[in-house]
Amino acid sequence: MSTNIGKKVRSVREAEGLTRGQFFELTGIPEGTQKYYETGRVESVGSDILLKITLHPQFQKYALWLVTDTTSEASGQISPALSPDGQSSTSSRRKDQKAG
């Protein structure tokens, strides 16, 4: 994986409207680690980190894109660009989140 994966992680987090702290609460990936990936300071993301993201129900829709850079909308696999507000279903998770 290249530094591109760090940018993808950031795209997912931002598409979902999450701070690094909120992303940590959901995935267990420390904020400092996220920052290193997102800024390219660490160039490779381990499989354990990818699994924490792709196995979480909120982020499963991005799994194919994160790993292969492709999407399959028919299968519910999208990129953040296809879901800029992080919503791919009728349920809203963001309305219950606090700003900050």
Foldseek 3Di string as FASTA:
>chain_A
DFLVLLCQVVLLCVLQVHDLVVVCVQQVQHSVNSVCSNVRVDTDDDPSSLCSQCVRVLRVLQNCCSVPVDADVVVSNDGSVVRSNSDPDPDDPVVPDDDD
